[in-house]
Amino acid sequence: MRIGILGGTFDPPHVGHLLAASDAAEALALDRLLFVPVAEQPLKTGAMVASAAHRFAMVGLLIGSDPRFVADPIEIERGGLSFTVETLRVLRERWRDDQALALFLLLGEDVVATLSMWREPNAVRALAEIVWLTRAPGPDAPPPAGRVLATRRVEVSSTEIRERVRAGRPIRGFVPEVVAEYIARHGLYR
């Protein structure tokens, strides 16, 4: 089985996440791609705005009924700080009987500079193949390990979406309509 893991704060999840995931699923011939919202991001402690429950619900709405994608609550259920190495170990254990299991950790090129600060970065590299998702032909400097996968360029960020909501501006086109409705219904980012 070929499993992709796309983790993040998803605060909120947006069309850029969805397009990058679609590109990765196709290019890597993934059987499944897990969207894994963090409980609490160690390098962004206190920076998340929406609760883990809201972010997980929005991820579910983002992926809809696409059979390639699964919203996985693994880090939210564990609670506390989310460390990728722990998640990868649990996923390896989950599919321990699959001798052909291949895990692909999908990371944005903006993470290249922080990977060395992660808990057990060498173990992360050993547990999953790192795939750097780039929005251009490739990063200026080669990533420390793994392969580079160019994805469609989408100029959208969660920060921009939160700012637009706070300012009362529309977010149509930034997120699927169901996510926008969820944000409005729950009064998120105001």
C-alpha atoms as a PDB file:
ATOM      1  CA  MET A   1       0.000   0.000   0.000  1.00  0.00           C
ATOM      2  CA  ARG A   2       1.213   3.515  -0.847  1.00  0.00           C
ATOM      3  CA  ILE A   3       0.104   6.082   1.750  1.00  0.00           C
ATOM      4  CA  GLY A   4       0.667   9.818   1.609  1.00  0.00           C
ATOM      5  CA  ILE A   5       0.587  11.923   4.779  1.00  0.00           C
ATOM      6  CA  LEU A   6      -0.211  15.624   4.568  1.00  0.00           C
ATOM      7  CA  GLY A   7      -0.076  17.153   8.013  1.00  0.00           C
ATOM      8  CA  GLY A   8      -0.573  20.713   9.083  1.00  0.00           C
ATOM      9  CA  THR A   9      -2.555  23.149  11.129  1.00  0.00           C
ATOM     10  CA  PHE A  10      -5.227  23.512   8.415  1.00  0.00           C
ATOM     11  CA  ASP A  11      -6.402  26.729  10.076  1.00  0.00           C
ATOM     12  CA  PRO A  12      -8.412  26.775   7.810  1.00  0.00           C
ATOM     13  CA  PRO A  13      -7.821  24.172   5.098  1.00  0.00           C
ATOM     14  CA  HIS A  14      -8.066  25.658   1.603  1.00  0.00           C
ATOM     15  CA  VAL A  15      -8.050  24.849  -2.108  1.00  0.00           C
ATOM     16  CA  GLY A  16      -4.240  25.010  -2.195  1.00  0.00           C
ATOM     17  CA  HIS A  17      -4.105  22.057   0.201  1.00  0.00           C
ATOM     18  CA  LEU A  18      -6.600  20.165  -1.931  1.00  0.00           C
ATOM     19  CA  LEU A  19      -4.787  20.788  -5.226  1.00  0.00           C
ATOM     20  CA  ALA A  20      -1.385  19.873  -3.779  1.00  0.00           C
ATOM     21  CA  ALA A  21      -2.883  16.674  -2.364  1.00  0.00           C
ATOM     22  CA  SER A  22      -4.479  15.815  -5.714  1.00  0.00           C
ATOM     23  CA  ASP A  23      -1.213  16.392  -7.554  1.00  0.00           C
ATOM     24  CA  ALA A  24       0.699  14.246  -5.043  1.00  0.00           C
ATOM     25  CA  ALA A  25      -1.886  11.445  -5.130  1.00  0.00           C
ATOM     26  CA  GLU A  26      -1.606  11.250  -8.916  1.00  0.00           C
ATOM     27  CA  ALA A  27       2.176  11.693  -9.244  1.00  0.00           C
ATOM     28  CA  LEU A  28       2.998   9.185  -6.491  1.00  0.00           C
ATOM     29  CA  ALA A  29       0.221   6.708  -7.411  1.00  0.00           C
ATOM     30  CA  LEU A  30      -1.027   6.788  -3.818  1.00  0.00           C
ATOM     31  CA  ASP A  31      -3.650   4.330  -2.628  1.00  0.00           C
ATOM     32  CA  ARG A  32      -4.668   6.772   0.096  1.00  0.00           C
ATOM     33  CA  LEU A  33      -3.708  10.234   1.263  1.00  0.00           C
ATOM     34  CA  LEU A  34      -4.193  11.091   4.927  1.00  0.00           C
ATOM     35  CA  PHE A  35      -4.875  14.693   5.909  1.00  0.00           C
ATOM     36  CA  VAL A  36      -3.569  14.894   9.481  1.00  0.00           C
ATOM     37  CA  PRO A  37      -4.446  18.073  11.386  1.00  0.00           C
ATOM     38  CA  VAL A  38      -2.090  18.716  14.303  1.00  0.00           C
ATOM     39  CA  ALA A  39      -3.362  18.892  17.854  1.00  0.00           C
ATOM     40  CA  GLU A  40      -0.781  21.564  18.645  1.00  0.00           C
ATOM     41  CA  GLN A  41       2.099  22.452  16.345  1.00  0.00           C
ATOM     42  CA  PRO A  42       5.367  22.548  18.346  1.00  0.00           C
ATOM     43  CA  LEU A  43       6.905  25.305  16.211  1.00  0.00           C
ATOM     44  CA  LYS A  44       3.727  27.421  16.287  1.00  0.00           C
ATOM     45  CA  THR A  45       2.610  26.994  19.888  1.00  0.00           C
ATOM     46  CA  GLY A  46      -0.340  29.283  20.578  1.00  0.00           C
ATOM     47  CA  ALA A  47      -0.575  30.416  16.942  1.00  0.00           C
ATOM     48  CA  MET A  48      -3.600  28.332  15.944  1.00  0.00           C
ATOM     49  CA  VAL A  49      -6.917  30.127  16.029  1.00  0.00           C
ATOM     50  CA  ALA A  50      -9.620  27.475  15.520  1.00  0.00           C
ATOM     51  CA  SER A  51      -9.923  24.502  17.857  1.00  0.00           C
ATOM     52  CA  ALA A  52      -8.680  21.075  16.808  1.00  0.00           C
ATOM     53  CA  ALA A  53     -12.291  19.891  16.507  1.00  0.00           C
ATOM     54  CA  HIS A  54     -13.182  22.742  14.133  1.00  0.00           C
ATOM     55  CA  ARG A  55     -10.035  22.256  12.040  1.00  0.00           C
ATOM     56  CA  PHE A  56     -10.676  18.509  11.772  1.00  0.00           C
ATOM     57  CA  ALA A  57     -14.300  19.108  10.754  1.00  0.00           C
ATOM     58  CA  MET A  58     -13.198  21.598   8.076  1.00  0.00           C
ATOM     59  CA  VAL A  59     -10.661  19.112   6.694  1.00  0.00           C
ATOM     60  CA  GLY A  60     -13.467  16.579   6.367  1.00  0.00           C
ATOM     61  CA  LEU A  61     -15.536  19.121   4.475  1.00  0.00           C
ATOM     62  CA  LEU A  62     -12.566  20.061   2.277  1.00  0.00           C
ATOM     63  CA  ILE A  63     -11.931  16.517   1.099  1.00  0.00           C
ATOM     64  CA  GLY A  64     -15.619  15.675   0.763  1.00  0.00           C
ATOM     65  CA  SER A  65     -16.308  12.274  -0.734  1.00  0.00           C
ATOM     66  CA  ASP A  66     -13.049  11.942  -2.688  1.00  0.00           C
ATOM     67  CA  PRO A  67     -12.182   8.266  -2.079  1.00  0.00           C
ATOM     68  CA  ARG A  68      -8.422   8.943  -2.263  1.00  0.00           C
ATOM     69  CA  PHE A  69      -8.480  11.195   0.808  1.00  0.00           C
ATOM     70  CA  VAL A  70      -9.053  10.514   4.497  1.00  0.00           C
ATOM     71  CA  ALA A  71      -9.191  12.970   7.395  1.00  0.00           C
ATOM     72  CA  ASP A  72      -7.194  11.176  10.084  1.00  0.00           C
ATOM     73  CA  PRO A  73      -7.572  12.363  13.722  1.00  0.00           C
ATOM     74  CA  ILE A  74      -4.432  10.519  14.888  1.00  0.00           C
ATOM     75  CA  GLU A  75      -2.658  13.621  16.261  1.00  0.00           C
ATOM     76  CA  ILE A  76      -5.808  15.244  17.648  1.00  0.00           C
ATOM     77  CA  GLU A  77      -6.753  12.049  19.489  1.00  0.00           C
ATOM     78  CA  ARG A  78      -3.237  11.799  20.927  1.00  0.00           C
ATOM     79  CA  GLY A  79      -3.481  15.435  22.057  1.00  0.00           C
ATOM     80  CA  GLY A  80      -0.712  17.748  23.205  1.00  0.00           C
ATOM     81  CA  LEU A  81       2.173  18.709  20.977  1.00  0.00           C
ATOM     82  CA  SER A  82       2.127  16.891  17.644  1.00  0.00           C
ATOM     83  CA  PHE A  83       5.399  15.302  16.608  1.00  0.00           C
ATOM     84  CA  THR A  84       5.604  13.813  13.121  1.00  0.00           C
ATOM     85  CA  VAL A  85       7.985  11.059  14.210  1.00  0.00           C
ATOM     86  CA  GLU A  86       5.389   9.741  16.687  1.00  0.00           C
ATOM     87  CA  THR A  87       2.655   9.846  14.048  1.00  0.00           C
ATOM     88  CA  LEU A  88       4.795   7.969  11.538  1.00  0.00           C
ATOM     89  CA  ARG A  89       5.585   5.283  14.110  1.00  0.00           C
ATOM     90  CA  VAL A  90       1.891   4.796  14.868  1.00  0.00           C
ATOM     91  CA  LEU A  91       1.061   4.621  11.152  1.00  0.00           C
ATOM     92  CA  ARG A  92       3.827   2.045  10.574  1.00  0.00           C
ATOM     93  CA  GLU A  93       2.332   0.011  13.422  1.00  0.00           C
ATOM     94  CA  ARG A  94      -1.192   0.427  12.013  1.00  0.00           C
ATOM     95  CA  TRP A  95      -0.111  -1.265   8.773  1.00  0.00           C
ATOM     96  CA  ARG A  96       2.617  -3.517  10.256  1.00  0.00           C
ATOM     97  CA  ASP A  97       1.355  -6.566   8.328  1.00  0.00           C
ATOM     98  CA  ASP A  98       1.813  -4.837   4.972  1.00  0.00           C
ATOM     99  CA  GLN A  99       5.371  -5.715   3.967  1.00  0.00           C
ATOM    100  CA  ALA A 100       5.118  -3.499   0.874  1.00  0.00           C
ATOM    101  CA  LEU A 101       3.923  -0.427   2.811  1.00  0.00           C
ATOM    102  CA  ALA A 102       5.371   2.821   1.492  1.00  0.00           C
ATOM    103  CA  LEU A 103       4.784   6.020   3.469  1.00  0.00           C
ATOM    104  CA  PHE A 104       5.276   9.401   1.795  1.00  0.00           C
ATOM    105  CA  LEU A 105       5.469  12.458   4.027  1.00  0.00           C
ATOM    106  CA  LEU A 106       4.279  15.439   1.989  1.00  0.00           C
ATOM    107  CA  LEU A 107       5.891  18.691   3.083  1.00  0.00           C
ATOM    108  CA  GLY A 108       5.753  22.216   1.745  1.00  0.00           C
ATOM    109  CA  GLU A 109       9.044  23.692   0.657  1.00  0.00           C
ATOM    110  CA  ASP A 110       8.651  26.311   3.406  1.00  0.00           C
ATOM    111  CA  VAL A 111       9.425  23.546   5.925  1.00  0.00           C
ATOM    112  CA  VAL A 112      12.909  22.804   4.503  1.00  0.00           C
ATOM    113  CA  ALA A 113      14.520  25.286   6.891  1.00  0.00           C
ATOM    114  CA  THR A 114      12.781  23.870   9.978  1.00  0.00           C
ATOM    115  CA  LEU A 115      13.135  20.117   9.434  1.00  0.00           C
ATOM    116  CA  SER A 116      16.369  19.976  11.433  1.00  0.00           C
ATOM    117  CA  MET A 117      14.449  21.421  14.437  1.00  0.00           C
ATOM    118  CA  TRP A 118      11.886  18.630  14.423  1.00  0.00           C
ATOM    119  CA  ARG A 119      11.960  15.858  16.990  1.00  0.00           C
ATOM    120  CA  GLU A 120      14.181  13.055  15.642  1.00  0.00           C
ATOM    121  CA  PRO A 121      14.511  14.325  12.052  1.00  0.00           C
ATOM    122  CA  ASN A 122      16.646  11.335  11.031  1.00  0.00           C
ATOM    123  CA  ALA A 123      13.971   8.942  12.280  1.00  0.00           C
ATOM    124  CA  VAL A 124      11.366  10.894  10.283  1.00  0.00           C
ATOM    125  CA  ARG A 125      13.482  10.366   7.150  1.00  0.00           C
ATOM    126  CA  ALA A 126      13.820   6.655   7.950  1.00  0.00           C
ATOM    127  CA  LEU A 127      10.095   6.099   8.569  1.00  0.00           C
ATOM    128  CA  ALA A 128       8.792   7.797   5.414  1.00  0.00           C
ATOM    129  CA  GLU A 129      10.034   9.106   2.115  1.00  0.00           C
ATOM    130  CA  ILE A 130       9.935  12.880   2.243  1.00  0.00           C
ATOM    131  CA  VAL A 131       8.295  14.536  -0.737  1.00  0.00           C
ATOM    132  CA  TRP A 132       8.743  18.296  -0.987  1.00  0.00           C
ATOM    133  CA  LEU A 133       5.724  19.959  -2.569  1.00  0.00           C
ATOM    134  CA  THR A 134       6.829  23.033  -4.474  1.00  0.00           C
ATOM    135  CA  ARG A 135       4.741  25.709  -6.128  1.00  0.00           C
ATOM    136  CA  ALA A 136       7.341  26.393  -8.756  1.00  0.00           C
ATOM    137  CA  PRO A 137       9.743  24.256 -10.790  1.00  0.00           C
ATOM    138  CA  GLY A 138      11.664  23.547  -7.560  1.00  0.00           C
ATOM    139  CA  PRO A 139      13.252  25.179  -4.517  1.00  0.00           C
ATOM    140  CA  ASP A 140      16.354  27.346  -4.974  1.00  0.00           C
ATOM    141  CA  ALA A 141      18.404  24.947  -2.869  1.00  0.00           C
ATOM    142  CA  PRO A 142      17.898  21.206  -2.997  1.00  0.00           C
ATOM    143  CA  PRO A 143      15.972  19.811  -0.026  1.00  0.00           C
ATOM    144  CA  PRO A 144      17.993  17.989   2.647  1.00  0.00           C
ATOM    145  CA  ALA A 145      16.446  14.612   1.758  1.00  0.00           C
ATOM    146  CA  GLY A 146      13.655  13.214  -0.363  1.00  0.00           C
ATOM    147  CA  ARG A 147      12.226  14.097  -3.720  1.00  0.00           C
ATOM    148  CA  VAL A 148      10.708  17.276  -5.115  1.00  0.00           C
ATOM    149  CA  LEU A 149       7.232  17.312  -6.624  1.00  0.00           C
ATOM    150  CA  ALA A 150       6.040  20.434  -8.418  1.00  0.00           C
ATOM    151  CA  THR A 151       2.373  21.111  -7.732  1.00  0.00           C
ATOM    152  CA  ARG A 152      -0.010  23.609  -9.245  1.00  0.00           C
ATOM    153  CA  ARG A 153       0.679  27.124  -8.108  1.00  0.00           C
ATOM    154  CA  VAL A 154      -2.120  28.572  -5.982  1.00  0.00           C
ATOM    155  CA  GLU A 155      -1.572  31.911  -4.286  1.00  0.00           C
ATOM    156  CA  VAL A 156      -3.657  31.319  -1.175  1.00  0.00           C
ATOM    157  CA  SER A 157      -2.770  30.920   2.479  1.00  0.00           C
ATOM    158  CA  SER A 158      -4.639  30.184   5.675  1.00  0.00           C
ATOM    159  CA  THR A 159      -3.326  33.447   7.114  1.00  0.00           C
ATOM    160  CA  GLU A 160      -4.848  35.408   4.234  1.00  0.00           C
ATOM    161  CA  ILE A 161      -8.170  33.606   4.636  1.00  0.00           C
ATOM    162  CA  ARG A 162      -8.302  34.391   8.366  1.00  0.00           C
ATOM    163  CA  GLU A 163      -7.506  38.045   7.651  1.00  0.00           C
ATOM    164  CA  ARG A 164     -10.228  38.230   4.992  1.00  0.00           C
ATOM    165  CA  VAL A 165     -12.808  36.748   7.375  1.00  0.00           C
ATOM    166  CA  ARG A 166     -11.766  39.182  10.135  1.00  0.00           C
ATOM    167  CA  ALA A 167     -12.139  42.069   7.689  1.00  0.00           C
ATOM    168  CA  GLY A 168     -15.568  40.855   6.527  1.00  0.00           C
ATOM    169  CA  ARG A 169     -14.300  40.129   3.013  1.00  0.00           C
ATOM    170  CA  PRO A 170     -15.477  37.128   0.959  1.00  0.00           C
ATOM    171  CA  ILE A 171     -13.465  33.904   0.872  1.00  0.00           C
ATOM    172  CA  ARG A 172     -15.209  32.362  -2.135  1.00  0.00           C
ATOM    173  CA  GLY A 173     -12.611  30.605  -4.275  1.00  0.00           C
ATOM    174  CA  PHE A 174     -10.170  30.301  -1.368  1.00  0.00           C
ATOM    175  CA  VAL A 175     -12.066  27.434   0.259  1.00  0.00           C
ATOM    176  CA  PRO A 176     -14.902  25.191  -0.930  1.00  0.00           C
ATOM    177  CA  GLU A 177     -18.344  26.651  -0.249  1.00  0.00           C
ATOM    178  CA  VAL A 178     -19.015  24.070   2.498  1.00  0.00           C
ATOM    179  CA  VAL A 179     -15.895  25.221   4.373  1.00  0.00           C
ATOM    180  CA  ALA A 180     -16.891  28.881   3.991  1.00  0.00           C
ATOM    181  CA  GLU A 181     -20.364  28.051   5.336  1.00  0.00           C
ATOM    182  CA  TYR A 182     -18.829  26.189   8.292  1.00  0.00           C
ATOM    183  CA  ILE A 183     -16.578  29.146   9.122  1.00  0.00           C
ATOM    184  CA  ALA A 184     -19.551  31.529   9.004  1.00  0.00           C
ATOM    185  CA  ARG A 185     -21.898  29.227  10.948  1.00  0.00           C
ATOM    186  CA  HIS A 186     -19.370  28.797  13.780  1.00  0.00           C
ATOM    187  CA  GLY A 187     -18.150  32.393  13.781  1.00  0.00           C
ATOM    188  CA  LEU A 188     -14.544  31.365  13.233  1.00  0.00           C
ATOM    189  CA  TYR A 189     -11.739  33.883  12.664  1.00  0.00           C
ATOM    190  CA  ARG A 190     -13.840  36.938  13.577  1.00  0.00           C
END
